[in-house]
Amino acid sequence: MPRERIKELTSRQRELLDFIEKSVSYEKRMPSFREMAKGMQVNAVGTIQDLVRALKEKGFLEQEGRHIKLASSRNSASVSIPIIGEVAAGPLTDAWEVSLGSFSLSPEHVPSRHPEKCFALRVKGDSMIDAGIMEKDLIVVDPSSRPKDGDFVVASMDGEATVKELHYPKKGKGLELIPHNKRMKPIVIDNAQDIQIHGKVVAVHRYFN
């Protein structure tokens, strides 16, 4: 499926497609309409049926007998993203150390020139909730992309890591890691050489409970 085709979807259609792809990746099966409704936090199964119908019409889902499946072009072009641990959306905390498996995404959901180099981290904490990054979400990190001022990044110092917005003050050699939670203050780093930027956050994938 060409990457530009994803732009044809509404935000709710993209959200449902994301949920379906993660369900297929994690559980190796297509979720039921009721599971989709719960994941999307909607009460009416009819709303899900309308969204599924739109995804079929646009070629993202296929009908096979009585069953619905991801379009074969999406399955064949999927990218495997390793989940290499957890990262704090809060103060600096112990960096990731263990593998949590992997999940598959279509290229449209990995906006990187080198998706094969990307990795994912599970979010802990609530310092980025105002940016839509919630506890247990998966963030996809591109280590090959050079972050710019205003990008969301994963950074570490002295073996501790966090996810924040990167900000370079106009004066000085330092930087700031900005939370997106009104209750929290920026982490100020006096010397940029004291901190390691592991990559730019290129995608966020919602955790559905």
Foldseek 3Di string as FASTA:
>chain_A
DDLVLVVVDDPLLVLLLLVQQQCCFPVVDGDDLVVSCLQSVHDDSVVVVVSVVVCVVSQQWDDDPPDIGGRPVQVVQKAKAWAQEAAELADWDADGDHTPGIGIGGVSQQPDPCSNQKHKHAYDYDQAVLVVADHRKIWIFDQVDDDDQQFWFWKHAPRTIHIFGWHDDPDAQWTWGHTNDVVDGIDTGRHPVRMDTRGTGDHIRDDGD
